[in-house]
C-alpha atoms as a PDB file:
ATOM      1  CA  UNK A   1      28.548  -4.735  36.604  1.00  0.00           C
ATOM      2  CA  UNK A   2      25.829  -6.011  38.014  1.00  0.00           C
ATOM      3  CA  UNK A   3      24.361  -2.315  38.859  1.00  0.00           C
ATOM      4  CA  UNK A   4      24.141  -2.049  34.894  1.00  0.00           C
ATOM      5  CA  UNK A   5      21.061  -1.503  33.737  1.00  0.00           C
ATOM      6  CA  UNK A   6      20.258  -1.756  29.747  1.00  0.00           C
ATOM      7  CA  UNK A   7      19.821   2.132  27.524  1.00  0.00           C
ATOM      8  CA  UNK A   8      16.486   3.570  27.270  1.00  0.00           C
ATOM      9  CA  UNK A   9      16.451   2.576  23.390  1.00  0.00           C
ATOM     10  CA  UNK A  10      16.734  -1.354  23.869  1.00  0.00           C
ATOM     11  CA  UNK A  11      14.193  -0.969  26.696  1.00  0.00           C
ATOM     12  CA  UNK A  12      12.204   1.133  24.477  1.00  0.00           C
ATOM     13  CA  UNK A  13      12.708  -0.903  21.554  1.00  0.00           C
ATOM     14  CA  UNK A  14      11.675  -4.209  23.913  1.00  0.00           C
ATOM     15  CA  UNK A  15       7.625  -2.624  23.923  1.00  0.00           C
ATOM     16  CA  UNK A  16       7.228  -1.371  20.679  1.00  0.00           C
ATOM     17  CA  UNK A  17       8.108  -4.798  19.590  1.00  0.00           C
ATOM     18  CA  UNK A  18       5.186  -6.039  22.182  1.00  0.00           C
ATOM     19  CA  UNK A  19       3.096  -3.558  20.952  1.00  0.00           C
ATOM     20  CA  UNK A  20       3.607  -4.559  17.395  1.00  0.00           C
ATOM     21  CA  UNK A  21       3.112  -8.382  18.016  1.00  0.00           C
ATOM     22  CA  UNK A  22      -0.698  -6.931  19.761  1.00  0.00           C
ATOM     23  CA  UNK A  23      -1.537  -5.259  16.408  1.00  0.00           C
ATOM     24  CA  UNK A  24      -2.445  -8.405  15.302  1.00  0.00           C
ATOM     25  CA  UNK A  25      -5.090  -8.903  17.949  1.00  0.00           C
ATOM     26  CA  UNK A  26      -6.827  -5.134  17.088  1.00  0.00           C
ATOM     27  CA  UNK A  27      -7.191  -5.498  13.636  1.00  0.00           C
ATOM     28  CA  UNK A  28      -9.477  -7.893  12.919  1.00  0.00           C
ATOM     29  CA  UNK A  29     -10.997  -6.315   9.337  1.00  0.00           C
ATOM     30  CA  UNK A  30     -10.676  -7.723   6.456  1.00  0.00           C
ATOM     31  CA  UNK A  31      -9.363  -4.458   4.968  1.00  0.00           C
ATOM     32  CA  UNK A  32      -6.422  -4.101   7.162  1.00  0.00           C
ATOM     33  CA  UNK A  33      -4.087  -7.660   5.760  1.00  0.00           C
ATOM     34  CA  UNK A  34      -4.395  -9.564   8.787  1.00  0.00           C
ATOM     35  CA  UNK A  35      -7.196 -12.356   7.862  1.00  0.00           C
ATOM     36  CA  UNK A  36      -7.303 -14.113   4.730  1.00  0.00           C
ATOM     37  CA  UNK A  37     -11.082 -12.924   2.950  1.00  0.00           C
ATOM     38  CA  UNK A  38     -12.354 -15.075   0.076  1.00  0.00           C
ATOM     39  CA  UNK A  39     -12.113 -13.638  -3.449  1.00  0.00           C
ATOM     40  CA  UNK A  40     -12.205 -14.471  -7.077  1.00  0.00           C
ATOM     41  CA  UNK A  41      -8.945 -13.892  -9.142  1.00  0.00           C
ATOM     42  CA  UNK A  42      -8.628 -11.779 -12.155  1.00  0.00           C
ATOM     43  CA  UNK A  43      -7.036 -13.061 -14.885  1.00  0.00           C
ATOM     44  CA  UNK A  44      -4.061 -10.715 -15.532  1.00  0.00           C
ATOM     45  CA  UNK A  45      -2.195  -9.529 -11.926  1.00  0.00           C
ATOM     46  CA  UNK A  46      -2.999  -5.616 -11.047  1.00  0.00           C
ATOM     47  CA  UNK A  47      -0.748  -3.308 -10.755  1.00  0.00           C
ATOM     48  CA  UNK A  48      -0.295  -0.884  -7.740  1.00  0.00           C
ATOM     49  CA  UNK A  49       2.174   2.183  -8.135  1.00  0.00           C
ATOM     50  CA  UNK A  50       3.918   3.579  -5.148  1.00  0.00           C
ATOM     51  CA  UNK A  51       6.245   4.168  -1.929  1.00  0.00           C
ATOM     52  CA  UNK A  52       7.180   2.149   0.822  1.00  0.00           C
ATOM     53  CA  UNK A  53       6.590   5.333   2.981  1.00  0.00           C
ATOM     54  CA  UNK A  54       3.222   5.910   1.783  1.00  0.00           C
ATOM     55  CA  UNK A  55       0.584   4.516   4.614  1.00  0.00           C
ATOM     56  CA  UNK A  56      -1.972   5.185   2.177  1.00  0.00           C
ATOM     57  CA  UNK A  57       0.210   2.696  -0.004  1.00  0.00           C
ATOM     58  CA  UNK A  58       0.803   0.209   2.848  1.00  0.00           C
ATOM     59  CA  UNK A  59      -3.494   0.322   3.408  1.00  0.00           C
ATOM     60  CA  UNK A  60      -4.209  -0.741  -0.171  1.00  0.00           C
ATOM     61  CA  UNK A  61      -1.599  -3.781  -0.236  1.00  0.00           C
ATOM     62  CA  UNK A  62      -2.865  -4.955   3.322  1.00  0.00           C
ATOM     63  CA  UNK A  63      -5.752  -5.540   1.147  1.00  0.00           C
ATOM     64  CA  UNK A  64      -4.653  -7.461  -1.838  1.00  0.00           C
ATOM     65  CA  UNK A  65      -3.047  -9.910   0.592  1.00  0.00           C
ATOM     66  CA  UNK A  66      -5.671 -10.611   2.622  1.00  0.00           C
ATOM     67  CA  UNK A  67      -7.876 -10.728  -0.560  1.00  0.00           C
ATOM     68  CA  UNK A  68      -4.893 -12.740  -1.993  1.00  0.00           C
ATOM     69  CA  UNK A  69      -5.364 -10.668  -5.598  1.00  0.00           C
ATOM     70  CA  UNK A  70      -1.546 -11.516  -7.515  1.00  0.00           C
ATOM     71  CA  UNK A  71      -0.100  -8.012  -8.135  1.00  0.00           C
ATOM     72  CA  UNK A  72       3.077  -6.363  -9.498  1.00  0.00           C
ATOM     73  CA  UNK A  73       4.048  -3.403  -7.194  1.00  0.00           C
ATOM     74  CA  UNK A  74       6.341  -0.306  -9.139  1.00  0.00           C
ATOM     75  CA  UNK A  75       8.033   1.482  -7.110  1.00  0.00           C
ATOM     76  CA  UNK A  76       8.627   4.856  -7.165  1.00  0.00           C
ATOM     77  CA  UNK A  77      10.794   6.132  -4.478  1.00  0.00           C
ATOM     78  CA  UNK A  78      11.610  10.044  -3.805  1.00  0.00           C
ATOM     79  CA  UNK A  79      14.209  11.203  -5.930  1.00  0.00           C
ATOM     80  CA  UNK A  80      14.012   7.715  -8.008  1.00  0.00           C
ATOM     81  CA  UNK A  81      13.546  10.234 -12.029  1.00  0.00           C
ATOM     82  CA  UNK A  82      13.619   7.627 -13.900  1.00  0.00           C
ATOM     83  CA  UNK A  83      10.392   5.504 -12.678  1.00  0.00           C
ATOM     84  CA  UNK A  84       8.336   9.117 -11.685  1.00  0.00           C
ATOM     85  CA  UNK A  85       9.106   9.535 -15.418  1.00  0.00           C
ATOM     86  CA  UNK A  86       7.738   6.861 -16.505  1.00  0.00           C
ATOM     87  CA  UNK A  87       4.566   6.806 -14.050  1.00  0.00           C
ATOM     88  CA  UNK A  88       3.990  10.807 -15.338  1.00  0.00           C
ATOM     89  CA  UNK A  89       4.470   9.306 -18.719  1.00  0.00           C
ATOM     90  CA  UNK A  90       1.730   6.244 -18.346  1.00  0.00           C
ATOM     91  CA  UNK A  91      -0.721   8.700 -15.918  1.00  0.00           C
ATOM     92  CA  UNK A  92      -0.395  12.025 -15.857  1.00  0.00           C
ATOM     93  CA  UNK A  93      -3.548  12.947 -16.934  1.00  0.00           C
ATOM     94  CA  UNK A  94      -5.382  11.209 -13.604  1.00  0.00           C
ATOM     95  CA  UNK A  95      -2.231  13.484 -11.199  1.00  0.00           C
ATOM     96  CA  UNK A  96      -4.133  17.055 -10.305  1.00  0.00           C
ATOM     97  CA  UNK A  97      -3.502  20.344 -12.017  1.00  0.00           C
ATOM     98  CA  UNK A  98      -1.627  21.503  -9.019  1.00  0.00           C
ATOM     99  CA  UNK A  99       0.424  18.454  -8.676  1.00  0.00           C
ATOM    100  CA  UNK A 100       1.546  18.551 -12.096  1.00  0.00           C
ATOM    101  CA  UNK A 101       2.729  21.754 -11.559  1.00  0.00           C
ATOM    102  CA  UNK A 102       5.191  21.524  -8.875  1.00  0.00           C
ATOM    103  CA  UNK A 103       6.192  18.248 -10.843  1.00  0.00           C
ATOM    104  CA  UNK A 104       4.880  15.416  -7.897  1.00  0.00           C
ATOM    105  CA  UNK A 105       2.760  12.201  -8.551  1.00  0.00           C
ATOM    106  CA  UNK A 106       0.083  10.655  -6.489  1.00  0.00           C
ATOM    107  CA  UNK A 107       0.433   7.144  -5.209  1.00  0.00           C
ATOM    108  CA  UNK A 108      -1.157   4.614  -4.855  1.00  0.00           C
ATOM    109  CA  UNK A 109      -2.006   4.180  -8.193  1.00  0.00           C
ATOM    110  CA  UNK A 110      -4.431   0.815  -9.105  1.00  0.00           C
ATOM    111  CA  UNK A 111      -3.906   0.052 -12.800  1.00  0.00           C
ATOM    112  CA  UNK A 112      -6.487  -3.254 -12.813  1.00  0.00           C
ATOM    113  CA  UNK A 113      -5.987  -4.617 -16.628  1.00  0.00           C
ATOM    114  CA  UNK A 114      -9.083  -6.741 -16.529  1.00  0.00           C
ATOM    115  CA  UNK A 115     -11.464  -4.196 -15.706  1.00  0.00           C
ATOM    116  CA  UNK A 116      -9.560  -1.390 -17.808  1.00  0.00           C
ATOM    117  CA  UNK A 117      -9.720   0.882 -14.292  1.00  0.00           C
ATOM    118  CA  UNK A 118      -7.115   3.489 -12.827  1.00  0.00           C
ATOM    119  CA  UNK A 119      -8.190   4.479  -9.580  1.00  0.00           C
ATOM    120  CA  UNK A 120      -5.275   6.949  -7.575  1.00  0.00           C
ATOM    121  CA  UNK A 121      -7.056   7.555  -3.680  1.00  0.00           C
ATOM    122  CA  UNK A 122      -6.287   4.454  -1.392  1.00  0.00           C
ATOM    123  CA  UNK A 123      -9.985   4.479   0.206  1.00  0.00           C
ATOM    124  CA  UNK A 124     -11.341   4.280  -4.036  1.00  0.00           C
ATOM    125  CA  UNK A 125      -9.051   1.764  -4.452  1.00  0.00           C
ATOM    126  CA  UNK A 126     -10.060  -0.291  -1.147  1.00  0.00           C
ATOM    127  CA  UNK A 127     -13.617   0.260  -1.659  1.00  0.00           C
ATOM    128  CA  UNK A 128     -12.498  -1.002  -5.373  1.00  0.00           C
ATOM    129  CA  UNK A 129     -11.310  -4.266  -4.805  1.00  0.00           C
ATOM    130  CA  UNK A 130     -13.845  -5.163  -1.625  1.00  0.00           C
ATOM    131  CA  UNK A 131     -16.701  -4.751  -4.405  1.00  0.00           C
ATOM    132  CA  UNK A 132     -14.922  -6.416  -7.241  1.00  0.00           C
ATOM    133  CA  UNK A 133     -13.076  -9.394  -6.022  1.00  0.00           C
ATOM    134  CA  UNK A 134     -14.429 -10.574  -2.489  1.00  0.00           C
ATOM    135  CA  UNK A 135     -16.334 -13.472  -2.906  1.00  0.00           C
END
């Protein structure tokens, strides 16, 4: 009828979409992925290991995008034993002992075949990318 009002979740979704749009204007830093940053292109694409739900992986992906660096994304979702076994086989020596003991991996992991660097912590990865590839 004419007195009907939209459900609360619909109204909430409208506000969220407006806030989502506004984040473009309040995220002006180069490491936040909204602004293109001049960079040098690596000879080989980098490799990023992670899973979609991780805010740490998102932070690294934003920097890779703003620098326009080609990379291969290797997803290691929760409960995906094949991918996690591959990760553990290649990079188990980098994972802290307490994580190994309970069978948990650590992401993001950046592999740079151009400089032979493997990094685990997102802050270290962001710093490395900006130092190494930013012009």
